[in-house]
C-alpha atoms as a PDB file:
ATOM      1  CA  ALA A   1       8.904   1.803   6.531  1.00  0.00           C
ATOM      2  CA  ARG A   2      11.869  -1.503   7.567  1.00  0.00           C
ATOM      3  CA  VAL A   3       9.921  -2.480  10.276  1.00  0.00           C
ATOM      4  CA  VAL A   4       6.555  -2.181   8.697  1.00  0.00           C
ATOM      5  CA  LEU A   5       8.472  -3.841   6.362  1.00  0.00           C
ATOM      6  CA  GLU A   6       9.572  -6.549   9.159  1.00  0.00           C
ATOM      7  CA  ALA A   7       5.975  -6.952   9.707  1.00  0.00           C
ATOM      8  CA  LEU A   8       4.430  -8.040   6.775  1.00  0.00           C
ATOM      9  CA  ARG A   9       7.080  -9.900   5.633  1.00  0.00           C
ATOM     10  CA  LYS A  10       6.832 -12.187   9.212  1.00  0.00           C
ATOM     11  CA  SER A  11       3.380 -11.885   8.542  1.00  0.00           C
ATOM     12  CA  LYS A  12       4.058 -13.967   4.633  1.00  0.00           C
ATOM     13  CA  LEU A  13       5.777 -16.437   6.318  1.00  0.00           C
ATOM     14  CA  THR A  14       3.426 -16.769  10.231  1.00  0.00           C
ATOM     15  CA  GLU A  15       0.096 -15.844   8.528  1.00  0.00           C
ATOM     16  CA  PRO A  16       0.737 -16.368   4.780  1.00  0.00           C
ATOM     17  CA  GLU A  17      -3.683 -16.835   5.163  1.00  0.00           C
ATOM     18  CA  ARG A  18      -3.653 -13.690   6.132  1.00  0.00           C
ATOM     19  CA  ILE A  19      -5.481 -10.298   3.554  1.00  0.00           C
ATOM     20  CA  HIS A  20      -4.478  -7.606   3.755  1.00  0.00           C
ATOM     21  CA  ALA A  21      -7.037  -4.418   2.530  1.00  0.00           C
ATOM     22  CA  CYS A  22      -5.092  -1.933   0.016  1.00  0.00           C
ATOM     23  CA  ASP A  23      -6.207   1.895  -1.401  1.00  0.00           C
ATOM     24  CA  THR A  24      -4.208   4.322  -3.207  1.00  0.00           C
ATOM     25  CA  GLU A  25      -5.470   7.723  -2.943  1.00  0.00           C
ATOM     26  CA  VAL A  26      -3.830   9.552  -5.841  1.00  0.00           C
ATOM     27  CA  MET A  27      -3.970  13.722  -7.257  1.00  0.00           C
ATOM     28  CA  ASP A  28      -3.150  15.702 -10.197  1.00  0.00           C
ATOM     29  CA  ILE A  29      -5.436  12.855 -12.684  1.00  0.00           C
ATOM     30  CA  ASP A  30      -8.922  14.937 -14.355  1.00  0.00           C
ATOM     31  CA  LEU A  31     -10.291  11.493 -14.398  1.00  0.00           C
ATOM     32  CA  SER A  32     -13.683  13.484 -16.503  1.00  0.00           C
ATOM     33  CA  ASN A  33     -10.966  14.018 -19.656  1.00  0.00           C
ATOM     34  CA  VAL A  34      -8.388  11.138 -18.888  1.00  0.00           C
ATOM     35  CA  GLY A  35      -7.464   7.478 -17.681  1.00  0.00           C
ATOM     36  CA  PRO A  36      -4.996   6.540 -14.852  1.00  0.00           C
ATOM     37  CA  VAL A  37      -2.210   4.675 -17.721  1.00  0.00           C
ATOM     38  CA  GLY A  38       0.327   8.023 -17.518  1.00  0.00           C
ATOM     39  CA  ASN A  39      -1.688   9.235 -15.651  1.00  0.00           C
ATOM     40  CA  GLY A  40      -2.530  10.932 -11.656  1.00  0.00           C
ATOM     41  CA  TYR A  41       0.147  10.357  -8.952  1.00  0.00           C
ATOM     42  CA  VAL A  42       0.001   8.984  -5.526  1.00  0.00           C
ATOM     43  CA  THR A  43      -0.864  10.618  -2.515  1.00  0.00           C
ATOM     44  CA  CYS A  44      -0.560   7.403  -0.207  1.00  0.00           C
ATOM     45  CA  LEU A  45      -1.339   4.253   0.008  1.00  0.00           C
ATOM     46  CA  SER A  46      -3.044   2.497   2.837  1.00  0.00           C
ATOM     47  CA  VAL A  47      -2.915  -1.119   4.238  1.00  0.00           C
ATOM     48  CA  TYR A  48      -5.645  -2.933   6.706  1.00  0.00           C
ATOM     49  CA  SER A  49      -3.837  -6.468   7.982  1.00  0.00           C
ATOM     50  CA  GLY A  50      -7.022  -7.457  10.604  1.00  0.00           C
ATOM     51  CA  PRO A  51      -7.956  -5.865  14.173  1.00  0.00           C
ATOM     52  CA  ASP A  52      -4.892  -8.248  15.511  1.00  0.00           C
ATOM     53  CA  PHE A  53      -2.615  -7.005  12.951  1.00  0.00           C
ATOM     54  CA  ASP A  54       0.539  -5.567  14.435  1.00  0.00           C
ATOM     55  CA  TYR A  55       2.808  -3.277  11.999  1.00  0.00           C
ATOM     56  CA  GLY A  56       5.380  -3.078  14.466  1.00  0.00           C
ATOM     57  CA  LEU A  57       5.040   1.113  15.847  1.00  0.00           C
ATOM     58  CA  ASN A  58       5.221   1.430  18.614  1.00  0.00           C
ATOM     59  CA  ASP A  59       3.203   4.007  19.620  1.00  0.00           C
ATOM     60  CA  GLN A  60      -0.239   2.095  17.984  1.00  0.00           C
ATOM     61  CA  GLY A  61      -1.077  -0.864  18.436  1.00  0.00           C
ATOM     62  CA  PRO A  62      -2.400  -4.293  17.242  1.00  0.00           C
ATOM     63  CA  GLY A  63      -5.425  -2.806  14.568  1.00  0.00           C
ATOM     64  CA  THR A  64      -4.544   0.231  13.961  1.00  0.00           C
ATOM     65  CA  MET A  65      -4.645   1.279   9.877  1.00  0.00           C
ATOM     66  CA  LEU A  66      -1.184   1.851   7.697  1.00  0.00           C
ATOM     67  CA  TRP A  67      -1.132   5.174   6.496  1.00  0.00           C
ATOM     68  CA  VAL A  68       2.595   5.001   3.555  1.00  0.00           C
ATOM     69  CA  ASP A  69       2.704   9.175   2.684  1.00  0.00           C
ATOM     70  CA  ASN A  70       3.832   9.891  -0.847  1.00  0.00           C
ATOM     71  CA  LEU A  71       3.757  13.590  -0.630  1.00  0.00           C
ATOM     72  CA  ASP A  72       7.295  15.998  -0.269  1.00  0.00           C
ATOM     73  CA  ASP A  73       9.736  14.290   2.187  1.00  0.00           C
ATOM     74  CA  ALA A  74       8.164  11.287   1.549  1.00  0.00           C
ATOM     75  CA  CYS A  75       8.394  11.234  -2.398  1.00  0.00           C
ATOM     76  CA  GLY A  76       9.620   8.083  -3.621  1.00  0.00           C
ATOM     77  CA  ILE A  77       8.688   6.036  -0.214  1.00  0.00           C
ATOM     78  CA  LEU A  78       6.791   3.268  -2.417  1.00  0.00           C
ATOM     79  CA  ASP A  79       9.138   2.161  -3.473  1.00  0.00           C
ATOM     80  CA  GLU A  80      10.472   0.253  -0.676  1.00  0.00           C
ATOM     81  CA  PHE A  81       6.811  -1.267  -0.988  1.00  0.00           C
ATOM     82  CA  LYS A  82       7.556  -2.211  -3.902  1.00  0.00           C
ATOM     83  CA  GLU A  83       8.214  -5.824  -3.463  1.00  0.00           C
ATOM     84  CA  TRP A  84       5.886  -7.067  -0.824  1.00  0.00           C
ATOM     85  CA  LEU A  85       3.159  -5.165  -3.449  1.00  0.00           C
ATOM     86  CA  GLU A  86       3.843  -6.937  -6.270  1.00  0.00           C
ATOM     87  CA  ASP A  87       4.663 -10.968  -4.265  1.00  0.00           C
ATOM     88  CA  GLU A  88       1.535 -12.536  -5.774  1.00  0.00           C
ATOM     89  CA  MET A  89       1.660 -14.849  -2.338  1.00  0.00           C
ATOM     90  CA  VAL A  90       1.456 -12.267   0.108  1.00  0.00           C
ATOM     91  CA  MET A  91      -3.044 -12.061  -0.117  1.00  0.00           C
ATOM     92  CA  LYS A  92      -4.517  -8.701  -0.665  1.00  0.00           C
ATOM     93  CA  VAL A  93      -7.931  -7.335  -2.000  1.00  0.00           C
ATOM     94  CA  TRP A  94      -8.278  -3.846  -3.290  1.00  0.00           C
ATOM     95  CA  HIS A  95     -11.054  -1.191  -3.011  1.00  0.00           C
ATOM     96  CA  ASN A  96     -10.269  -0.230  -6.807  1.00  0.00           C
ATOM     97  CA  TYR A  97      -7.945  -2.458  -8.490  1.00  0.00           C
ATOM     98  CA  GLY A  98      -8.004  -2.103 -12.048  1.00  0.00           C
ATOM     99  CA  PHE A  99      -7.372   1.249 -10.796  1.00  0.00           C
ATOM    100  CA  ASP A 100      -4.595   1.150  -8.059  1.00  0.00           C
ATOM    101  CA  ARG A 101      -2.714  -0.807 -10.103  1.00  0.00           C
ATOM    102  CA  HIS A 102      -2.117   1.934 -13.341  1.00  0.00           C
ATOM    103  CA  VAL A 103      -2.296   4.889 -10.936  1.00  0.00           C
ATOM    104  CA  LEU A 104       1.132   2.445  -8.658  1.00  0.00           C
ATOM    105  CA  ARG A 105       2.610   1.152 -11.909  1.00  0.00           C
ATOM    106  CA  ASN A 106       2.053   4.800 -13.024  1.00  0.00           C
ATOM    107  CA  GLU A 107       5.267   5.185 -10.315  1.00  0.00           C
ATOM    108  CA  GLY A 108       7.521   2.597 -11.442  1.00  0.00           C
END
């Protein structure tokens, strides 16, 4: 997570116009009965930062998608990304921002 966050922080300084596409996947929520406020568990966060962006992962090159696993042993890793996710100076576009905002807030 630290390597990826360093790449994202560097991008904020050197490429403030870069837009990061973000999405979450969630489990333990029955949307036919409840909404996302206070319900569900974020299993992963995905981020795509463009075909030329390198997250700093040696086995992958530029243009890959970032998958942040939040299950099992990785539970709580989203905390590492909280500052970046909340940073209003980093441009992000969300697949379903209203839903994602609530389920991420559920995580803390």
